């Protein structure tokens, strides 16, 4: 488990808090605690009372929604340094989605009511939080445009480009997606079938636009993939 000093070191790296002084950060540290979740653990379920937010110290967390038939739609896959749910501070009632641990995670947990009191005392934090939420809104708008304006083949390409930034590392002119995603998970991110994703990935590999490295991670050439969409 993380002690208060470990929590402080982590929160200092979170974009929302990194410009705060030690004195400004201390109230947030005092109300926060840490928890460890094993792989496949459910952190919270959709419609459960929304009473806390989480910061990922280590591990990988999947955020997803389910419809009345039980079909899964993956909203995002989050890694070290991320916060969720992003609407937690401004939404009353229940969690808007489910959160499941993909890779064993150590999370910092912050109660919403206590944090809201701190926001009132430090309005500059509200501005930073709005900026973070603004970035998420732009991302959701882009995903909606992809769904409306592009066919499934192009949507898979755009998903790979997005994941290379959110779940990848740069290797000179290439990007390596450092999270293992099944074809089913990729399909659930854009609302298509596993078979369609599998077929599209095979096509992209045959065209030498993507490849799998020795560890089974996808390596992509973003410039070539973007050209594939244009043409």
Protein backbone atom coordinates (compact mmCIF):
# COMPACT_ATOMS: atom_id res chain seq x y z
CA UNK A 1 0.00 0.00 0.00
CA UNK A 2 1.10 3.55 -0.66
CA UNK A 3 1.91 5.81 2.27
CA UNK A 4 1.08 9.53 2.27
CA UNK A 5 4.50 10.45 0.87
CA UNK A 6 4.05 8.02 -2.05
CA UNK A 7 0.58 9.47 -2.71
CA UNK A 8 2.07 12.96 -2.71
CA UNK A 9 4.78 12.00 -5.22
CA UNK A 10 2.22 10.51 -7.54
CA UNK A 11 -0.31 13.33 -7.34
CA UNK A 12 2.47 15.82 -8.10
CA UNK A 13 2.80 14.16 -11.54
CA UNK A 14 -0.93 14.30 -12.34
CA UNK A 15 -1.63 17.17 -14.81
CA UNK A 16 -4.47 18.39 -12.62
CA UNK A 17 -2.18 18.93 -9.63
CA UNK A 18 1.39 19.30 -10.91
CA UNK A 19 1.45 23.12 -10.60
CA UNK A 20 0.23 23.12 -7.00
CA UNK A 21 2.56 23.92 -4.14
CA UNK A 22 3.10 21.41 -1.33
CA UNK A 23 0.77 23.40 0.89
CA UNK A 24 -1.98 23.45 -1.76
CA UNK A 25 -1.60 19.73 -2.40
CA UNK A 26 -1.59 18.69 1.25
CA UNK A 27 -5.42 18.79 1.77
CA UNK A 28 -5.87 16.45 -1.22
CA UNK A 29 -3.24 14.06 0.11
CA UNK A 30 -4.90 14.03 3.53
CA UNK A 31 -8.27 12.83 2.14
CA UNK A 32 -6.80 10.26 -0.27
CA UNK A 33 -5.91 6.61 0.29
CA UNK A 34 -4.59 3.78 -1.86
CA UNK A 35 -5.99 0.39 -2.81
CA UNK A 36 -4.69 -2.57 -4.80
CA UNK A 37 -6.97 -4.33 -7.29
CA UNK A 38 -6.09 -7.63 -8.94
CA UNK A 39 -6.66 -8.28 -12.64
CA UNK A 40 -10.34 -8.76 -13.57
CA UNK A 41 -11.50 -7.00 -10.39
CA UNK A 42 -14.49 -4.70 -10.78
CA UNK A 43 -13.74 -1.27 -9.30
CA UNK A 44 -17.30 -0.03 -9.68
CA UNK A 45 -20.40 -0.85 -11.70
CA UNK A 46 -22.56 1.37 -13.83
CA UNK A 47 -25.42 2.87 -11.73
CA UNK A 48 -23.63 2.37 -8.40
CA UNK A 49 -23.56 5.49 -6.17
CA UNK A 50 -20.91 7.91 -7.45
CA UNK A 51 -18.93 8.89 -4.37
CA UNK A 52 -15.21 8.75 -5.31
CA UNK A 53 -12.69 9.29 -8.09
CA UNK A 54 -9.52 7.33 -8.83
CA UNK A 55 -5.97 8.09 -9.95
CA UNK A 56 -3.95 5.23 -11.45
CA UNK A 57 -0.55 4.83 -9.79
CA UNK A 58 0.17 1.63 -11.72
CA UNK A 59 -1.76 -0.91 -13.78
CA UNK A 60 -4.37 -0.77 -16.54
CA UNK A 61 -8.12 -0.10 -16.15
CA UNK A 62 -10.89 -0.59 -18.71
CA UNK A 63 -13.90 1.74 -18.70
CA UNK A 64 -16.94 0.29 -20.48
CA UNK A 65 -20.71 0.49 -20.72
CA UNK A 66 -23.27 -2.24 -21.28
CA UNK A 67 -26.67 -2.00 -22.93
CA UNK A 68 -29.90 -3.84 -22.06
CA UNK A 69 -28.74 -6.94 -23.96
CA UNK A 70 -25.41 -7.04 -22.11
CA UNK A 71 -23.38 -5.91 -25.12
CA UNK A 72 -20.17 -4.18 -24.10
CA UNK A 73 -18.94 -0.84 -25.45
CA UNK A 74 -15.42 0.08 -24.34
CA UNK A 75 -15.13 3.79 -23.60
CA UNK A 76 -11.40 3.88 -22.84
CA UNK A 77 -8.44 1.90 -21.54
CA UNK A 78 -6.49 3.89 -18.95
CA UNK A 79 -2.92 3.56 -17.69
CA UNK A 80 -0.51 5.13 -15.17
CA UNK A 81 -1.26 8.77 -14.33
CA UNK A 82 -4.85 8.75 -15.59
CA UNK A 83 -7.87 9.84 -13.57
CA UNK A 84 -11.40 8.42 -13.75
CA UNK A 85 -14.31 8.94 -13.98
CA UNK A 86 -13.65 12.38 -15.47
CA UNK A 87 -17.18 13.59 -14.86
CA UNK A 88 -17.04 12.50 -11.23
CA UNK A 89 -16.72 15.97 -9.73
CA UNK A 90 -19.66 17.41 -11.68
CA UNK A 91 -22.09 14.51 -11.83
CA UNK A 92 -24.45 13.56 -9.04
CA UNK A 93 -26.08 10.19 -8.67
CA UNK A 94 -24.37 7.13 -10.13
CA UNK A 95 -21.24 6.03 -11.98
CA UNK A 96 -21.80 6.52 -15.76
CA UNK A 97 -19.95 3.30 -16.70
CA UNK A 98 -18.20 0.19 -15.38
CA UNK A 99 -14.52 0.01 -14.45
CA UNK A 100 -12.57 -3.27 -14.59
CA UNK A 101 -8.89 -3.94 -13.93
CA UNK A 102 -7.05 -5.43 -16.92
CA UNK A 103 -3.61 -5.48 -15.29
CA UNK A 104 -3.10 -5.48 -11.50
CA UNK A 105 -3.56 -1.89 -10.40
CA UNK A 106 -2.64 0.32 -7.48
CA UNK A 107 -5.11 3.20 -7.31
CA UNK A 108 -5.34 6.38 -5.29
CA UNK A 109 -8.92 6.90 -4.12
CA UNK A 110 -10.33 10.34 -3.35
CA UNK A 111 -13.84 10.92 -1.89
CA UNK A 112 -15.80 13.36 -4.06
CA UNK A 113 -17.53 15.29 -1.27
CA UNK A 114 -14.26 16.05 0.47
CA UNK A 115 -12.59 17.00 -2.80
CA UNK A 116 -15.43 19.38 -3.72
CA UNK A 117 -14.77 21.27 -0.48
CA UNK A 118 -11.15 21.68 -1.58
CA UNK A 119 -12.26 22.91 -5.02
CA UNK A 120 -14.26 25.67 -3.34
CA UNK A 121 -11.14 26.75 -1.46
CA UNK A 122 -8.91 26.53 -4.59
CA UNK A 123 -10.87 27.73 -7.65
CA UNK A 124 -7.76 27.44 -9.85
CA UNK A 125 -8.20 23.67 -9.57
CA UNK A 126 -11.65 24.01 -11.17
CA UNK A 127 -10.10 25.72 -14.20
CA UNK A 128 -7.56 22.91 -14.61
CA UNK A 129 -10.28 20.31 -14.25
CA UNK A 130 -12.33 22.03 -16.96
CA UNK A 131 -9.31 21.88 -19.26
CA UNK A 132 -8.95 18.15 -18.68
CA UNK A 133 -12.66 17.61 -19.32
CA UNK A 134 -12.46 19.81 -22.42
CA UNK A 135 -9.83 17.50 -23.89
CA UNK A 136 -12.07 14.50 -23.22
CA UNK A 137 -15.02 16.22 -24.91
CA UNK A 138 -12.92 16.91 -28.01
CA UNK A 139 -11.89 13.24 -28.06
CA UNK A 140 -15.52 12.09 -27.86
CA UNK A 141 -16.49 14.49 -30.65
CA UNK A 142 -13.72 13.06 -32.83
CA UNK A 143 -14.95 9.52 -32.18
CA UNK A 144 -18.48 10.50 -33.15
CA UNK A 145 -17.23 12.06 -36.39
CA UNK A 146 -15.25 8.88 -37.15
CA UNK A 147 -18.43 6.83 -36.71
CA UNK A 148 -20.49 9.09 -38.97
CA UNK A 149 -18.00 9.98 -41.71
CA UNK A 150 -15.86 6.85 -42.11
CA UNK A 151 -16.44 3.21 -43.01
CA UNK A 152 -15.42 0.39 -40.66
CA UNK A 153 -12.06 -0.17 -42.37
CA UNK A 154 -11.16 3.49 -41.77
CA UNK A 155 -12.56 3.40 -38.23
CA UNK A 156 -10.17 0.56 -37.33
CA UNK A 157 -7.25 2.58 -38.71
CA UNK A 158 -8.29 5.66 -36.75
CA UNK A 159 -8.66 3.54 -33.61
CA UNK A 160 -5.08 2.29 -34.01
CA UNK A 161 -3.87 5.86 -34.45
CA UNK A 162 -5.73 6.93 -31.31
CA UNK A 163 -4.40 4.00 -29.26
CA UNK A 164 -0.85 4.70 -30.40
CA UNK A 165 -1.09 8.04 -28.60
CA UNK A 166 -3.11 6.99 -25.52
CA UNK A 167 -1.62 3.52 -25.00
CA UNK A 168 1.65 3.60 -26.89
CA UNK A 169 5.23 4.81 -27.08
CA UNK A 170 7.08 6.46 -29.94
CA UNK A 171 9.88 4.57 -31.68
CA UNK A 172 11.47 7.09 -34.06
CA UNK A 173 8.87 7.35 -36.88
CA UNK A 174 6.78 4.46 -35.55
CA UNK A 175 4.49 3.91 -32.59
CA UNK A 176 4.23 0.77 -30.46
CA UNK A 177 0.88 0.11 -28.78
CA UNK A 178 2.02 -1.18 -25.39
CA UNK A 179 -1.30 -2.62 -24.22
CA UNK A 180 -2.43 -6.05 -25.41
CA UNK A 181 -5.93 -5.72 -26.89
CA UNK A 182 -7.95 -8.67 -28.13
CA UNK A 183 -9.81 -8.29 -31.42
CA UNK A 184 -13.01 -8.42 -29.39
CA UNK A 185 -11.88 -5.49 -27.26
CA UNK A 186 -10.90 -3.47 -30.33
CA UNK A 187 -14.26 -4.25 -31.89
CA UNK A 188 -16.09 -3.13 -28.75
CA UNK A 189 -14.31 0.22 -28.90
CA UNK A 190 -15.89 1.13 -32.24
CA UNK A 191 -19.09 -0.91 -32.12
CA UNK A 192 -18.30 -3.52 -34.78
CA UNK A 193 -17.71 -7.28 -34.87
CA UNK A 194 -14.58 -9.19 -33.91
CA UNK A 195 -14.51 -10.77 -37.37
CA UNK A 196 -14.48 -7.35 -39.05
CA UNK A 197 -11.57 -6.16 -36.91
CA UNK A 198 -9.64 -9.39 -37.52
CA UNK A 199 -10.15 -9.10 -41.27
CA UNK A 200 -9.10 -5.45 -41.30
CA UNK A 201 -5.97 -6.07 -39.22
CA UNK A 202 -4.96 -8.88 -41.59
CA UNK A 203 -5.40 -6.53 -44.54
CA UNK A 204 -3.26 -3.88 -42.88
CA UNK A 205 -0.53 -6.41 -42.09
CA UNK A 206 -0.50 -7.65 -45.69
CA UNK A 207 -0.04 -4.04 -46.83
CA UNK A 208 2.86 -3.65 -44.33
CA UNK A 209 1.03 -0.81 -42.59
CA UNK A 210 1.17 -2.53 -39.19
CA UNK A 211 3.16 -5.39 -37.71
CA UNK A 212 3.37 -7.46 -34.55
CA UNK A 213 6.65 -7.45 -32.65
CA UNK A 214 8.16 -10.40 -30.79
CA UNK A 215 6.04 -9.61 -27.70
CA UNK A 216 2.80 -9.48 -29.66
CA UNK A 217 2.45 -5.68 -29.56
CA UNK A 218 1.25 -3.78 -32.60
CA UNK A 219 3.77 -1.44 -34.21
CA UNK A 220 2.29 1.08 -36.61
CA UNK A 221 3.47 3.72 -39.05
CA UNK A 222 1.10 6.64 -38.42
CA UNK A 223 1.99 8.49 -41.63
CA UNK A 224 1.23 5.49 -43.82
CA UNK A 225 -2.01 4.76 -41.95
CA UNK A 226 -3.17 8.36 -42.40
CA UNK A 227 -2.46 8.09 -46.14
CA UNK A 228 -4.59 4.94 -46.24
CA UNK A 229 -7.56 6.93 -44.92
CA UNK A 230 -7.04 9.78 -47.39
CA UNK A 231 -6.89 7.43 -50.36
